[in-house]
C-alpha atoms as a PDB file:
ATOM      1  CA  MET A   1     -27.194  -1.676   7.947  1.00  0.00           C
ATOM      2  CA  ALA A   2     -24.797  -4.636   7.904  1.00  0.00           C
ATOM      3  CA  THR A   3     -21.370  -4.094   6.404  1.00  0.00           C
ATOM      4  CA  THR A   4     -20.662  -6.038   3.209  1.00  0.00           C
ATOM      5  CA  TYR A   5     -17.151  -7.444   2.948  1.00  0.00           C
ATOM      6  CA  ALA A   6     -15.600  -8.114  -0.442  1.00  0.00           C
ATOM      7  CA  VAL A   7     -12.675  -9.971   1.140  1.00  0.00           C
ATOM      8  CA  LEU A   8     -13.167 -11.896   4.352  1.00  0.00           C
ATOM      9  CA  SER A   9     -10.616 -14.375   5.680  1.00  0.00           C
ATOM     10  CA  GLU A  10     -10.188 -16.215   8.965  1.00  0.00           C
ATOM     11  CA  GLY A  11      -7.135 -18.074  10.193  1.00  0.00           C
ATOM     12  CA  LEU A  12      -5.410 -18.466   6.819  1.00  0.00           C
ATOM     13  CA  GLU A  13      -2.157 -20.378   7.155  1.00  0.00           C
ATOM     14  CA  LYS A  14       0.549 -21.362   4.696  1.00  0.00           C
ATOM     15  CA  ARG A  15       3.834 -23.214   5.127  1.00  0.00           C
ATOM     16  CA  PHE A  16       6.697 -23.703   2.715  1.00  0.00           C
ATOM     17  CA  GLY A  17       8.659 -26.497   4.316  1.00  0.00           C
ATOM     18  CA  ALA A  18      10.000 -25.174   7.604  1.00  0.00           C
ATOM     19  CA  VAL A  19       8.936 -21.606   6.774  1.00  0.00           C
ATOM     20  CA  HIS A  20       5.579 -20.600   8.299  1.00  0.00           C
ATOM     21  CA  ALA A  21       4.716 -17.764   5.885  1.00  0.00           C
ATOM     22  CA  LEU A  22       1.184 -17.105   7.179  1.00  0.00           C
ATOM     23  CA  ARG A  23       0.220 -17.798  10.782  1.00  0.00           C
ATOM     24  CA  GLY A  24      -3.515 -17.194  10.872  1.00  0.00           C
ATOM     25  CA  LEU A  25      -4.412 -14.251   8.624  1.00  0.00           C
ATOM     26  CA  ASP A  26      -7.685 -12.499   9.440  1.00  0.00           C
ATOM     27  CA  LEU A  27      -8.917  -9.886   6.961  1.00  0.00           C
ATOM     28  CA  ALA A  28     -12.162  -7.975   6.533  1.00  0.00           C
ATOM     29  CA  VAL A  29     -12.128  -5.609   3.544  1.00  0.00           C
ATOM     30  CA  ARG A  30     -15.235  -3.505   3.068  1.00  0.00           C
ATOM     31  CA  GLN A  31     -16.869  -3.479  -0.352  1.00  0.00           C
ATOM     32  CA  GLY A  32     -15.927  -0.427  -2.422  1.00  0.00           C
ATOM     33  CA  SER A  33     -12.921   0.489  -0.260  1.00  0.00           C
ATOM     34  CA  VAL A  34      -9.141   0.504  -0.674  1.00  0.00           C
ATOM     35  CA  CYS A  35      -7.340  -1.686   1.848  1.00  0.00           C
ATOM     36  CA  GLY A  36      -3.583  -1.294   2.154  1.00  0.00           C
ATOM     37  CA  LEU A  37      -1.848  -4.567   3.036  1.00  0.00           C
ATOM     38  CA  LEU A  38       1.508  -3.440   4.395  1.00  0.00           C
ATOM     39  CA  GLY A  39       4.470  -4.799   6.293  1.00  0.00           C
ATOM     40  CA  PRO A  40       8.229  -5.295   6.214  1.00  0.00           C
ATOM     41  CA  ASN A  41       9.899  -7.722   3.833  1.00  0.00           C
ATOM     42  CA  GLY A  42       9.051 -11.284   4.809  1.00  0.00           C
ATOM     43  CA  ALA A  43       5.835 -10.281   6.587  1.00  0.00           C
ATOM     44  CA  GLY A  44       3.732 -12.540   4.336  1.00  0.00           C
ATOM     45  CA  LYS A  45       2.111  -9.954   2.048  1.00  0.00           C
ATOM     46  CA  THR A  46       2.930 -11.689  -1.234  1.00  0.00           C
ATOM     47  CA  THR A  47       1.886 -15.082   0.135  1.00  0.00           C
ATOM     48  CA  ALA A  48      -1.407 -13.562   1.283  1.00  0.00           C
ATOM     49  CA  VAL A  49      -2.114 -12.095  -2.163  1.00  0.00           C
ATOM     50  CA  ARG A  50      -1.223 -15.368  -3.887  1.00  0.00           C
ATOM     51  CA  LEU A  51      -3.601 -17.242  -1.589  1.00  0.00           C
ATOM     52  CA  LEU A  52      -6.454 -14.777  -2.015  1.00  0.00           C
ATOM     53  CA  THR A  53      -6.100 -14.868  -5.812  1.00  0.00           C
ATOM     54  CA  THR A  54      -6.192 -18.714  -5.846  1.00  0.00           C
ATOM     55  CA  LEU A  55      -2.559 -19.065  -6.985  1.00  0.00           C
ATOM     56  CA  LEU A  56      -1.831 -20.965  -3.771  1.00  0.00           C
ATOM     57  CA  ARG A  57      -4.018 -23.214  -1.646  1.00  0.00           C
ATOM     58  CA  PRO A  58      -4.135 -22.483   2.093  1.00  0.00           C
ATOM     59  CA  ASP A  59      -3.006 -25.139   4.554  1.00  0.00           C
ATOM     60  CA  ALA A  60      -5.654 -24.021   7.056  1.00  0.00           C
ATOM     61  CA  GLY A  61      -8.310 -21.368   7.509  1.00  0.00           C
ATOM     62  CA  SER A  62     -11.014 -20.084   5.196  1.00  0.00           C
ATOM     63  CA  ALA A  63     -11.816 -17.066   3.038  1.00  0.00           C
ATOM     64  CA  ARG A  64     -14.565 -15.627   0.882  1.00  0.00           C
ATOM     65  CA  ILE A  65     -13.805 -13.347  -2.047  1.00  0.00           C
ATOM     66  CA  ALA A  66     -16.749 -11.441  -3.550  1.00  0.00           C
ATOM     67  CA  GLY A  67     -18.980 -13.887  -1.691  1.00  0.00           C
ATOM     68  CA  HIS A  68     -17.302 -17.036  -3.074  1.00  0.00           C
ATOM     69  CA  ASP A  69     -15.467 -19.631  -1.004  1.00  0.00           C
ATOM     70  CA  LEU A  70     -11.763 -19.391  -1.807  1.00  0.00           C
ATOM     71  CA  VAL A  71     -11.185 -23.156  -2.065  1.00  0.00           C
ATOM     72  CA  ARG A  72     -14.540 -24.704  -2.995  1.00  0.00           C
ATOM     73  CA  LYS A  73     -15.458 -21.973  -5.523  1.00  0.00           C
ATOM     74  CA  ALA A  74     -11.996 -21.066  -6.824  1.00  0.00           C
ATOM     75  CA  ALA A  75     -13.207 -20.679 -10.424  1.00  0.00           C
ATOM     76  CA  ALA A  76     -15.909 -18.226  -9.325  1.00  0.00           C
ATOM     77  CA  VAL A  77     -13.306 -16.299  -7.334  1.00  0.00           C
ATOM     78  CA  ARG A  78     -11.096 -16.016 -10.417  1.00  0.00           C
ATOM     79  CA  ARG A  79     -14.036 -14.715 -12.436  1.00  0.00           C
ATOM     80  CA  SER A  80     -14.660 -12.030  -9.817  1.00  0.00           C
ATOM     81  CA  ILE A  81     -11.134 -10.600  -9.460  1.00  0.00           C
ATOM     82  CA  GLY A  82      -8.465  -8.717 -11.359  1.00  0.00           C
ATOM     83  CA  VAL A  83      -4.757  -8.750 -10.575  1.00  0.00           C
ATOM     84  CA  THR A  84      -2.020  -6.259 -11.424  1.00  0.00           C
ATOM     85  CA  GLY A  85       1.499  -7.009 -10.252  1.00  0.00           C
ATOM     86  CA  GLN A  86       4.792  -5.139 -10.057  1.00  0.00           C
ATOM     87  CA  TYR A  87       5.688  -5.925 -13.654  1.00  0.00           C
ATOM     88  CA  ALA A  88       3.553  -5.285 -16.701  1.00  0.00           C
ATOM     89  CA  SER A  89       2.008  -8.463 -18.124  1.00  0.00           C
ATOM     90  CA  VAL A  90       1.137  -6.967 -21.508  1.00  0.00           C
ATOM     91  CA  ASP A  91       2.784  -8.130 -24.742  1.00  0.00           C
ATOM     92  CA  GLY A  92       5.290  -5.578 -26.008  1.00  0.00           C
ATOM     93  CA  ASP A  93       4.967  -6.792 -29.597  1.00  0.00           C
ATOM     94  CA  LEU A  94       1.250  -5.975 -29.655  1.00  0.00           C
ATOM     95  CA  THR A  95      -0.260  -2.513 -29.715  1.00  0.00           C
ATOM     96  CA  GLY A  96      -2.168  -1.219 -26.725  1.00  0.00           C
ATOM     97  CA  ARG A  97      -5.436  -1.846 -28.538  1.00  0.00           C
ATOM     98  CA  GLU A  98      -4.419  -5.367 -29.561  1.00  0.00           C
ATOM     99  CA  ASN A  99      -3.434  -6.211 -25.986  1.00  0.00           C
ATOM    100  CA  LEU A 100      -6.799  -5.184 -24.609  1.00  0.00           C
ATOM    101  CA  ARG A 101      -8.689  -6.943 -27.406  1.00  0.00           C
ATOM    102  CA  LEU A 102      -6.739 -10.109 -26.633  1.00  0.00           C
ATOM    103  CA  PHE A 103      -7.587  -9.941 -22.920  1.00  0.00           C
ATOM    104  CA  ALA A 104     -11.241  -9.259 -23.745  1.00  0.00           C
ATOM    105  CA  ARG A 105     -11.435 -12.284 -26.027  1.00  0.00           C
ATOM    106  CA  LEU A 106      -9.683 -14.528 -23.513  1.00  0.00           C
ATOM    107  CA  HIS A 107     -12.271 -13.493 -20.928  1.00  0.00           C
ATOM    108  CA  ARG A 108     -15.102 -13.863 -23.479  1.00  0.00           C
ATOM    109  CA  VAL A 109     -16.183 -10.269 -22.997  1.00  0.00           C
ATOM    110  CA  ARG A 110     -18.922  -9.132 -25.331  1.00  0.00           C
ATOM    111  CA  GLY A 111     -17.873  -6.411 -27.733  1.00  0.00           C
ATOM    112  CA  PRO A 112     -14.077  -6.715 -27.252  1.00  0.00           C
ATOM    113  CA  ASN A 113     -13.333  -3.845 -29.627  1.00  0.00           C
ATOM    114  CA  ASP A 114     -15.663  -1.474 -27.806  1.00  0.00           C
ATOM    115  CA  ARG A 115     -14.347  -2.533 -24.394  1.00  0.00           C
ATOM    116  CA  ALA A 116     -10.751  -1.982 -25.516  1.00  0.00           C
ATOM    117  CA  ALA A 117     -11.579   1.479 -26.846  1.00  0.00           C
ATOM    118  CA  GLU A 118     -13.405   2.361 -23.616  1.00  0.00           C
ATOM    119  CA  LEU A 119     -10.439   1.387 -21.437  1.00  0.00           C
ATOM    120  CA  LEU A 120      -7.879   3.086 -23.672  1.00  0.00           C
ATOM    121  CA  ASP A 121      -9.820   6.310 -23.356  1.00  0.00           C
ATOM    122  CA  ARG A 122     -10.335   5.921 -19.595  1.00  0.00           C
ATOM    123  CA  PHE A 123      -6.614   5.484 -18.942  1.00  0.00           C
ATOM    124  CA  GLY A 124      -5.436   8.234 -21.269  1.00  0.00           C
ATOM    125  CA  LEU A 125      -3.980   5.853 -23.849  1.00  0.00           C
ATOM    126  CA  ALA A 126      -6.234   6.555 -26.833  1.00  0.00           C
ATOM    127  CA  GLU A 127      -3.599   8.513 -28.745  1.00  0.00           C
ATOM    128  CA  ALA A 128      -1.059   5.695 -28.283  1.00  0.00           C
ATOM    129  CA  ALA A 129      -3.581   2.908 -28.872  1.00  0.00           C
ATOM    130  CA  ASP A 130      -2.032   1.710 -32.132  1.00  0.00           C
ATOM    131  CA  ARG A 131       1.602   1.878 -31.045  1.00  0.00           C
ATOM    132  CA  LYS A 132       3.382  -1.252 -29.865  1.00  0.00           C
ATOM    133  CA  ALA A 133       3.375  -1.514 -26.082  1.00  0.00           C
ATOM    134  CA  ALA A 134       7.169  -1.898 -26.178  1.00  0.00           C
ATOM    135  CA  THR A 135       7.370   1.793 -27.157  1.00  0.00           C
ATOM    136  CA  TYR A 136       5.347   2.907 -24.122  1.00  0.00           C
ATOM    137  CA  SER A 137       6.926   4.595 -21.124  1.00  0.00           C
ATOM    138  CA  GLY A 138       6.919   2.753 -17.794  1.00  0.00           C
ATOM    139  CA  GLY A 139       3.907   4.686 -16.609  1.00  0.00           C
ATOM    140  CA  MET A 140       1.972   4.023 -19.819  1.00  0.00           C
ATOM    141  CA  ARG A 141       2.723   0.296 -19.677  1.00  0.00           C
ATOM    142  CA  ARG A 142       1.563   0.160 -16.069  1.00  0.00           C
ATOM    143  CA  ARG A 143      -1.677   1.952 -17.011  1.00  0.00           C
ATOM    144  CA  LEU A 144      -2.177  -0.499 -19.873  1.00  0.00           C
ATOM    145  CA  ASP A 145      -1.573  -3.380 -17.472  1.00  0.00           C
ATOM    146  CA  LEU A 146      -4.152  -1.952 -15.070  1.00  0.00           C
ATOM    147  CA  ALA A 147      -6.610  -1.528 -17.940  1.00  0.00           C
ATOM    148  CA  ALA A 148      -6.072  -5.173 -18.904  1.00  0.00           C
ATOM    149  CA  SER A 149      -6.943  -6.314 -15.382  1.00  0.00           C
ATOM    150  CA  LEU A 150     -10.227  -4.387 -15.658  1.00  0.00           C
ATOM    151  CA  VAL A 151     -11.386  -5.794 -18.993  1.00  0.00           C
ATOM    152  CA  ARG A 152     -13.849  -8.068 -17.171  1.00  0.00           C
ATOM    153  CA  ARG A 153     -14.998  -5.411 -14.655  1.00  0.00           C
ATOM    154  CA  PRO A 154     -13.800  -7.275 -11.539  1.00  0.00           C
ATOM    155  CA  GLU A 155     -15.526  -6.880  -8.203  1.00  0.00           C
ATOM    156  CA  VAL A 156     -12.180  -7.062  -6.383  1.00  0.00           C
ATOM    157  CA  LEU A 157      -8.879  -5.784  -7.775  1.00  0.00           C
ATOM    158  CA  PHE A 158      -5.562  -6.899  -6.281  1.00  0.00           C
ATOM    159  CA  LEU A 159      -2.746  -4.406  -6.847  1.00  0.00           C
ATOM    160  CA  ASP A 160       0.640  -5.826  -5.869  1.00  0.00           C
ATOM    161  CA  GLU A 161       3.058  -2.867  -5.733  1.00  0.00           C
ATOM    162  CA  PRO A 162       1.542  -1.337  -8.900  1.00  0.00           C
ATOM    163  CA  THR A 163       3.690   1.823  -8.977  1.00  0.00           C
ATOM    164  CA  THR A 164       7.125   0.317  -8.310  1.00  0.00           C
ATOM    165  CA  GLY A 165       9.752   2.182 -10.332  1.00  0.00           C
ATOM    166  CA  LEU A 166       7.386   4.845 -11.649  1.00  0.00           C
ATOM    167  CA  ASP A 167       8.100   8.570 -11.609  1.00  0.00           C
ATOM    168  CA  PRO A 168       5.860  10.809  -9.450  1.00  0.00           C
ATOM    169  CA  VAL A 169       3.701  11.938 -12.384  1.00  0.00           C
ATOM    170  CA  SER A 170       3.011   8.366 -13.514  1.00  0.00           C
ATOM    171  CA  ARG A 171       2.368   7.321  -9.922  1.00  0.00           C
ATOM    172  CA  ASN A 172      -0.218  10.080  -9.518  1.00  0.00           C
ATOM    173  CA  GLY A 173      -1.920   8.848 -12.682  1.00  0.00           C
ATOM    174  CA  ILE A 174      -2.279   5.358 -11.211  1.00  0.00           C
ATOM    175  CA  TRP A 175      -3.588   6.835  -7.950  1.00  0.00           C
ATOM    176  CA  ASP A 176      -6.258   8.777  -9.833  1.00  0.00           C
ATOM    177  CA  ALA A 177      -7.303   5.609 -11.663  1.00  0.00           C
ATOM    178  CA  VAL A 178      -7.628   3.693  -8.379  1.00  0.00           C
ATOM    179  CA  ARG A 179      -9.801   6.428  -6.883  1.00  0.00           C
ATOM    180  CA  GLU A 180     -12.105   6.286  -9.911  1.00  0.00           C
ATOM    181  CA  LEU A 181     -12.406   2.521  -9.562  1.00  0.00           C
ATOM    182  CA  THR A 182     -13.478   2.631  -5.927  1.00  0.00           C
ATOM    183  CA  ALA A 183     -15.915   5.430  -6.741  1.00  0.00           C
ATOM    184  CA  ASP A 184     -17.517   2.975  -9.170  1.00  0.00           C
ATOM    185  CA  GLY A 185     -17.751   0.308  -6.438  1.00  0.00           C
ATOM    186  CA  THR A 186     -14.645  -1.799  -7.098  1.00  0.00           C
ATOM    187  CA  THR A 187     -12.849  -3.063  -3.995  1.00  0.00           C
ATOM    188  CA  VAL A 188      -9.060  -2.709  -4.060  1.00  0.00           C
ATOM    189  CA  LEU A 189      -6.519  -4.652  -2.016  1.00  0.00           C
ATOM    190  CA  LEU A 190      -3.212  -2.836  -2.351  1.00  0.00           C
ATOM    191  CA  THR A 191       0.287  -3.881  -1.353  1.00  0.00           C
ATOM    192  CA  THR A 192       2.946  -1.211  -1.651  1.00  0.00           C
ATOM    193  CA  GLN A 193       6.402  -0.207  -0.476  1.00  0.00           C
ATOM    194  CA  TYR A 194       5.469   3.474  -0.793  1.00  0.00           C
ATOM    195  CA  LEU A 195       3.928   4.546   2.485  1.00  0.00           C
ATOM    196  CA  GLU A 196       2.776   7.857   1.019  1.00  0.00           C
ATOM    197  CA  GLU A 197       0.770   5.795  -1.466  1.00  0.00           C
ATOM    198  CA  ALA A 198      -0.960   3.875   1.321  1.00  0.00           C
ATOM    199  CA  ASP A 199      -1.539   7.072   3.270  1.00  0.00           C
ATOM    200  CA  ARG A 200      -3.219   8.803   0.343  1.00  0.00           C
ATOM    201  CA  LEU A 201      -5.174   5.893  -1.122  1.00  0.00           C
ATOM    202  CA  ALA A 202      -6.137   3.470   1.624  1.00  0.00           C
ATOM    203  CA  ASP A 203      -9.364   3.753   3.586  1.00  0.00           C
ATOM    204  CA  ASP A 204      -8.053   1.054   5.920  1.00  0.00           C
ATOM    205  CA  ILE A 205      -4.624  -0.413   6.544  1.00  0.00           C
ATOM    206  CA  VAL A 206      -3.691  -3.928   7.637  1.00  0.00           C
ATOM    207  CA  LEU A 207      -0.187  -4.025   9.041  1.00  0.00           C
ATOM    208  CA  MET A 208       1.363  -7.485   8.781  1.00  0.00           C
ATOM    209  CA  ASP A 209       4.384  -8.776  10.644  1.00  0.00           C
ATOM    210  CA  ALA A 210       5.780 -12.329  10.770  1.00  0.00           C
ATOM    211  CA  GLY A 211       2.778 -13.794   8.944  1.00  0.00           C
ATOM    212  CA  ARG A 212       0.139 -12.270  11.213  1.00  0.00           C
ATOM    213  CA  VAL A 213      -1.934  -9.103  11.388  1.00  0.00           C
ATOM    214  CA  ALA A 214      -0.116  -6.811  13.807  1.00  0.00           C
ATOM    215  CA  GLN A 215      -2.531  -3.864  13.664  1.00  0.00           C
ATOM    216  CA  THR A 216      -5.470  -2.565  11.656  1.00  0.00           C
ATOM    217  CA  GLY A 217      -7.084   0.841  11.306  1.00  0.00           C
ATOM    218  CA  THR A 218      -7.328   3.914   9.158  1.00  0.00           C
ATOM    219  CA  PRO A 219      -4.080   5.799   8.491  1.00  0.00           C
ATOM    220  CA  THR A 220      -5.154   8.418  11.031  1.00  0.00           C
ATOM    221  CA  GLU A 221      -5.980   5.806  13.676  1.00  0.00           C
ATOM    222  CA  LEU A 222      -2.628   4.062  13.257  1.00  0.00           C
ATOM    223  CA  LYS A 223      -0.723   7.328  13.582  1.00  0.00           C
ATOM    224  CA  ALA A 224      -2.677   8.210  16.716  1.00  0.00           C
ATOM    225  CA  LEU A 225      -1.500   4.963  18.331  1.00  0.00           C
ATOM    226  CA  ILE A 226       2.053   6.215  18.638  1.00  0.00           C
ATOM    227  CA  GLY A 227       1.491   9.867  19.547  1.00  0.00           C
ATOM    228  CA  TRP A 228       3.529  12.700  18.053  1.00  0.00           C
ATOM    229  CA  TYR A 229       6.955  13.218  16.505  1.00  0.00           C
ATOM    230  CA  ALA A 230       9.204  15.849  18.050  1.00  0.00           C
ATOM    231  CA  GLU A 231      12.077  17.053  15.883  1.00  0.00           C
ATOM    232  CA  ALA A 232      14.958  19.505  16.124  1.00  0.00           C
ATOM    233  CA  VAL A 233      17.027  20.861  13.219  1.00  0.00           C
ATOM    234  CA  VAL A 234      20.391  22.232  14.320  1.00  0.00           C
ATOM    235  CA  ALA A 235      22.768  24.782  12.802  1.00  0.00           C
ATOM    236  CA  ASP A 236      25.857  22.753  13.676  1.00  0.00           C
ATOM    237  CA  PRO A 237      25.907  18.972  12.977  1.00  0.00           C
ATOM    238  CA  ASP A 238      28.187  18.534  15.978  1.00  0.00           C
ATOM    239  CA  ALA A 239      25.216  19.559  18.137  1.00  0.00           C
ATOM    240  CA  LEU A 240      23.060  16.610  17.028  1.00  0.00           C
ATOM    241  CA  ALA A 241      24.166  14.477  19.965  1.00  0.00           C
ATOM    242  CA  LYS A 242      23.246  17.212  22.424  1.00  0.00           C
ATOM    243  CA  ALA A 243      19.819  17.664  20.796  1.00  0.00           C
ATOM    244  CA  ALA A 244      19.293  13.886  20.843  1.00  0.00           C
ATOM    245  CA  ALA A 245      19.980  13.807  24.570  1.00  0.00           C
ATOM    246  CA  VAL A 246      17.291  16.432  25.141  1.00  0.00           C
ATOM    247  CA  LEU A 247      14.759  14.495  23.052  1.00  0.00           C
ATOM    248  CA  ASP A 248      15.645  11.246  24.795  1.00  0.00           C
ATOM    249  CA  HIS A 249      15.014  12.921  28.162  1.00  0.00           C
ATOM    250  CA  LEU A 250      11.699  14.459  27.072  1.00  0.00           C
ATOM    251  CA  THR A 251      10.225  11.494  25.215  1.00  0.00           C
ATOM    252  CA  GLY A 252      11.845   8.396  26.684  1.00  0.00           C
ATOM    253  CA  THR A 253      12.176   6.913  23.185  1.00  0.00           C
ATOM    254  CA  GLU A 254      15.263   6.380  21.066  1.00  0.00           C
ATOM    255  CA  PRO A 255      15.976   9.398  18.821  1.00  0.00           C
ATOM    256  CA  ARG A 256      16.266   9.017  15.045  1.00  0.00           C
ATOM    257  CA  PHE A 257      18.883  10.953  13.104  1.00  0.00           C
ATOM    258  CA  ASP A 258      18.571  12.582   9.686  1.00  0.00           C
ATOM    259  CA  HIS A 259      22.169  13.607   9.078  1.00  0.00           C
ATOM    260  CA  ASP A 260      21.442  15.094   5.639  1.00  0.00           C
ATOM    261  CA  ARG A 261      19.125  17.671   7.241  1.00  0.00           C
ATOM    262  CA  HIS A 262      21.108  18.003  10.484  1.00  0.00           C
ATOM    263  CA  ALA A 263      17.952  16.858  12.248  1.00  0.00           C
ATOM    264  CA  VAL A 264      17.053  14.488  15.049  1.00  0.00           C
ATOM    265  CA  GLY A 265      13.601  13.430  16.229  1.00  0.00           C
ATOM    266  CA  ALA A 266      11.750  11.076  18.553  1.00  0.00           C
ATOM    267  CA  LEU A 267       8.232   9.780  19.075  1.00  0.00           C
ATOM    268  CA  THR A 268       6.301  10.763  22.173  1.00  0.00           C
ATOM    269  CA  THR A 269       2.952   9.994  23.754  1.00  0.00           C
ATOM    270  CA  ASP A 270       3.440  12.591  26.505  1.00  0.00           C
ATOM    271  CA  PRO A 271       0.453  14.993  26.319  1.00  0.00           C
ATOM    272  CA  THR A 272       2.360  17.615  28.321  1.00  0.00           C
ATOM    273  CA  LEU A 273       5.080  18.000  25.707  1.00  0.00           C
ATOM    274  CA  THR A 274       4.351  21.164  23.761  1.00  0.00           C
ATOM    275  CA  LEU A 275       6.376  22.940  21.132  1.00  0.00           C
ATOM    276  CA  PRO A 276       7.252  25.884  23.461  1.00  0.00           C
ATOM    277  CA  ARG A 277       8.488  23.404  26.074  1.00  0.00           C
ATOM    278  CA  LEU A 278      10.570  21.577  23.464  1.00  0.00           C
ATOM    279  CA  VAL A 279      12.174  24.833  22.329  1.00  0.00           C
ATOM    280  CA  ARG A 280      12.862  25.924  25.943  1.00  0.00           C
ATOM    281  CA  GLU A 281      14.571  22.617  26.771  1.00  0.00           C
ATOM    282  CA  LEU A 282      16.734  22.756  23.653  1.00  0.00           C
ATOM    283  CA  ASP A 283      17.641  26.368  24.373  1.00  0.00           C
ATOM    284  CA  ALA A 284      18.520  25.545  27.981  1.00  0.00           C
ATOM    285  CA  ALA A 285      20.886  22.846  26.685  1.00  0.00           C
ATOM    286  CA  GLU A 286      22.492  25.467  24.404  1.00  0.00           C
ATOM    287  CA  VAL A 287      21.564  23.645  21.215  1.00  0.00           C
ATOM    288  CA  PRO A 288      22.080  25.955  18.161  1.00  0.00           C
ATOM    289  CA  LEU A 289      18.556  25.481  16.867  1.00  0.00           C
ATOM    290  CA  LEU A 290      17.404  26.262  13.318  1.00  0.00           C
ATOM    291  CA  ASP A 291      13.945  24.776  13.627  1.00  0.00           C
ATOM    292  CA  ALA A 292      11.784  22.661  15.916  1.00  0.00           C
ATOM    293  CA  SER A 293       8.489  20.916  15.312  1.00  0.00           C
ATOM    294  CA  LEU A 294       5.918  18.697  16.952  1.00  0.00           C
ATOM    295  CA  ARG A 295       3.882  16.909  14.305  1.00  0.00           C
ATOM    296  CA  GLN A 296       1.724  13.890  13.635  1.00  0.00           C
ATOM    297  CA  PRO A 297       3.910  10.857  12.857  1.00  0.00           C
ATOM    298  CA  THR A 298       4.151   9.345   9.388  1.00  0.00           C
ATOM    299  CA  LEU A 299       3.331   5.770   8.479  1.00  0.00           C
ATOM    300  CA  ASP A 300       7.097   5.176   8.452  1.00  0.00           C
ATOM    301  CA  ASP A 301       7.083   6.028  12.144  1.00  0.00           C
ATOM    302  CA  VAL A 302       4.159   3.662  12.712  1.00  0.00           C
ATOM    303  CA  PHE A 303       5.989   0.807  11.026  1.00  0.00           C
ATOM    304  CA  LEU A 304       9.170   1.379  12.954  1.00  0.00           C
ATOM    305  CA  ARG A 305       7.322   1.477  16.261  1.00  0.00           C
ATOM    306  CA  LEU A 306       4.970  -1.461  15.673  1.00  0.00           C
ATOM    307  CA  THR A 307       7.256  -3.845  13.783  1.00  0.00           C
ATOM    308  CA  GLY A 308      10.756  -2.633  14.561  1.00  0.00           C
ATOM    309  CA  SER A 309      11.504  -2.589  10.817  1.00  0.00           C
ATOM    310  CA  PRO A 310      10.965  -0.173   7.937  1.00  0.00           C
ATOM    311  CA  VAL A 311       8.750  -1.292   5.077  1.00  0.00           C
END
C-alpha cells in the first residue's frame, strides 16, 4: 500500500537578502505521525515552519500540505493546519472558555460552545474554564493554546517549541496530548530544543543544518549511525585527563568532559570495544575508576557528531 504524506516538500528555498536560510528543503512526513524537525540555531527550522504554514512564500521549490499546493492553494492549506508556537496566543483577559469560543467562531465552527467544552475537558481545563487565562499557570496556558489550535480539527499540526519554559509535569501533559492527537490521525510537525522530547515523541526525525536536511531517520536509526558512547567516572577529578587519554586511544574520537560528575566519554564505532576491555584499559592506566559504561548514544551525541553543534 502506498504511503500517504501529509507534508511533502521538494527543493524549498528562501533568501533574506544575502542570507540563504533554506537551501533546498526536502521533507516527507507520513500521515498520522510525529516528525521532529531539529537542528542547531540558524539551521533554518523556523523559516521552514513559516514557509510550510504559508506565512512566507518560497523563492523556489514546491510543497503539498494535506494534499494542497503550498503556493497555489494557500487558503486551503491554512484551512487544513493548526499552529502552536513558543508563546501562548490566547487572550489573558478572557476566560479559557471564552478564548475557545472566540477561536471557534472565527473559524466558523458549528456549535462553538460544545466544541469549547469538549476541548476544555480533553485538556484537563474544565475546572478552570471560567477563570481568566491570565490566572493560568504556564502549563495550563500552553494547553489552552494547543486546544485553540485544534478547534478546527486540523489535519496537520505545527508545534514550534511548544514546551519551552515548562516544568517537567506540564511538559509531560503536552506530550500526552500530542500522542492522543496522532492516535486520532493528526499529523504533527514538531520543532524543539529538548532532545528528550524528540526522542520520546517523534516517529521520524529530520536533522537540519545550514538550511538543508543533513540526516533523516527514526531516533534509533540516527543513534545507530554513530555507534556507542563509552564513559568513565573517576574518583579523583585530577585523573580525568588520564581517563580521557585512554578513551582517545580506544575510540579515536575526541573525549567529552562532564566535570560536575567527574566523568569523561567518547563515541566509538569499534565493534571490538567491550565494557570489560574498557575497564581493563582504564585499570592498566591506573585510573581510579568509580564507574564505566558502554551505552547507546543520545540525540545530543548525534547532533554533535553530525552538525558539530549542540541544538
